[in-house]
Amino acid sequence: MALSPPDLAPPDLGPDDWRRLRDALRYQGRDLHHRSYAVDSRRRELLWEEMDRCLALADRIERHLDALDGADAG
């Protein structure tokens, strides 16, 4: 089921909550990377894919935070 545009809007959270989410995703990405050393190559690829997703979402949150900071400054 595809999400409609209103469902894609970020939740209404404060900047501190967004920072905590960003930091948690980065931590999870690092953890997945460390765990990838202890598994076979097939599982490692899956862990790296999940790590990439976590870091990509953290980057999106970072851009959202930058936009919030820009809106506050303007």
Protein backbone atom coordinates (compact mmCIF):
# COMPACT_ATOMS: atom_id res chain seq x y z
CA MET A 1 0.00 0.00 0.00
CA ALA A 2 1.48 3.33 -1.07
CA LEU A 3 1.58 6.19 1.37
CA SER A 4 -0.31 9.32 0.49
CA PRO A 5 1.63 12.64 0.65
CA PRO A 6 0.31 13.68 4.09
CA ASP A 7 1.63 10.40 5.51
CA LEU A 8 5.11 11.27 4.22
CA ALA A 9 5.35 14.48 6.21
CA PRO A 10 7.78 14.27 9.12
CA PRO A 11 6.19 13.97 12.54
CA ASP A 12 5.89 17.14 14.57
CA LEU A 13 8.86 16.70 16.90
CA GLY A 14 11.10 19.22 18.55
CA PRO A 15 14.71 19.69 17.44
CA ASP A 16 16.04 17.80 20.47
CA ASP A 17 13.91 14.76 19.59
CA TRP A 18 15.14 14.90 15.98
CA ARG A 19 18.74 15.05 17.22
CA ARG A 20 18.18 12.02 19.45
CA LEU A 21 16.68 10.09 16.54
CA ARG A 22 19.57 11.10 14.26
CA ASP A 23 22.15 10.08 16.85
CA ALA A 24 20.38 6.77 17.54
CA LEU A 25 20.36 5.93 13.82
CA ARG A 26 24.06 6.72 13.53
CA TYR A 27 24.80 4.58 16.59
CA GLN A 28 22.75 1.74 15.09
CA GLY A 29 24.65 2.07 11.82
CA ARG A 30 27.99 1.81 13.63
CA ASP A 31 26.74 -1.19 15.59
CA LEU A 32 25.64 -2.95 12.41
CA HIS A 33 29.04 -2.30 10.88
CA HIS A 34 30.85 -3.76 13.91
CA ARG A 35 28.56 -6.81 13.95
CA SER A 36 29.22 -7.43 10.26
CA TYR A 37 32.76 -8.61 11.04
CA ALA A 38 31.43 -11.66 12.90
CA VAL A 39 29.11 -13.08 10.22
CA ASP A 40 29.39 -14.78 6.83
CA SER A 41 29.50 -12.76 3.63
CA ARG A 42 25.79 -13.21 2.80
CA ARG A 43 24.70 -11.92 6.20
CA ARG A 44 27.34 -9.16 6.04
CA GLU A 45 25.74 -7.76 2.87
CA LEU A 46 22.36 -7.61 4.62
CA LEU A 47 23.86 -5.85 7.62
CA TRP A 48 25.60 -3.33 5.35
CA GLU A 49 22.35 -2.65 3.50
CA GLU A 50 20.60 -1.97 6.80
CA MET A 51 23.55 0.17 7.94
CA ASP A 52 23.25 2.22 4.75
CA ARG A 53 19.52 2.72 5.36
CA CYS A 54 20.13 3.88 8.93
CA LEU A 55 22.82 6.34 7.85
CA ALA A 56 20.73 7.63 4.93
CA LEU A 57 17.82 8.32 7.26
CA ALA A 58 20.17 10.02 9.73
CA ASP A 59 21.36 12.23 6.85
CA ARG A 60 17.76 13.10 5.96
CA ILE A 61 17.10 14.05 9.57
CA GLU A 62 20.28 16.17 9.54
CA ARG A 63 18.97 18.08 6.51
CA HIS A 64 15.61 18.51 8.27
CA LEU A 65 17.41 19.93 11.31
CA ASP A 66 19.38 22.29 9.08
CA ALA A 67 16.10 23.48 7.55
CA LEU A 68 14.64 24.03 11.03
CA ASP A 69 17.71 26.02 12.03
CA GLY A 70 17.45 28.08 8.85
CA ALA A 71 13.78 28.81 9.49
CA ASP A 72 14.58 29.94 13.05
CA ALA A 73 17.35 32.23 11.82
CA GLY A 74 15.21 33.82 9.10
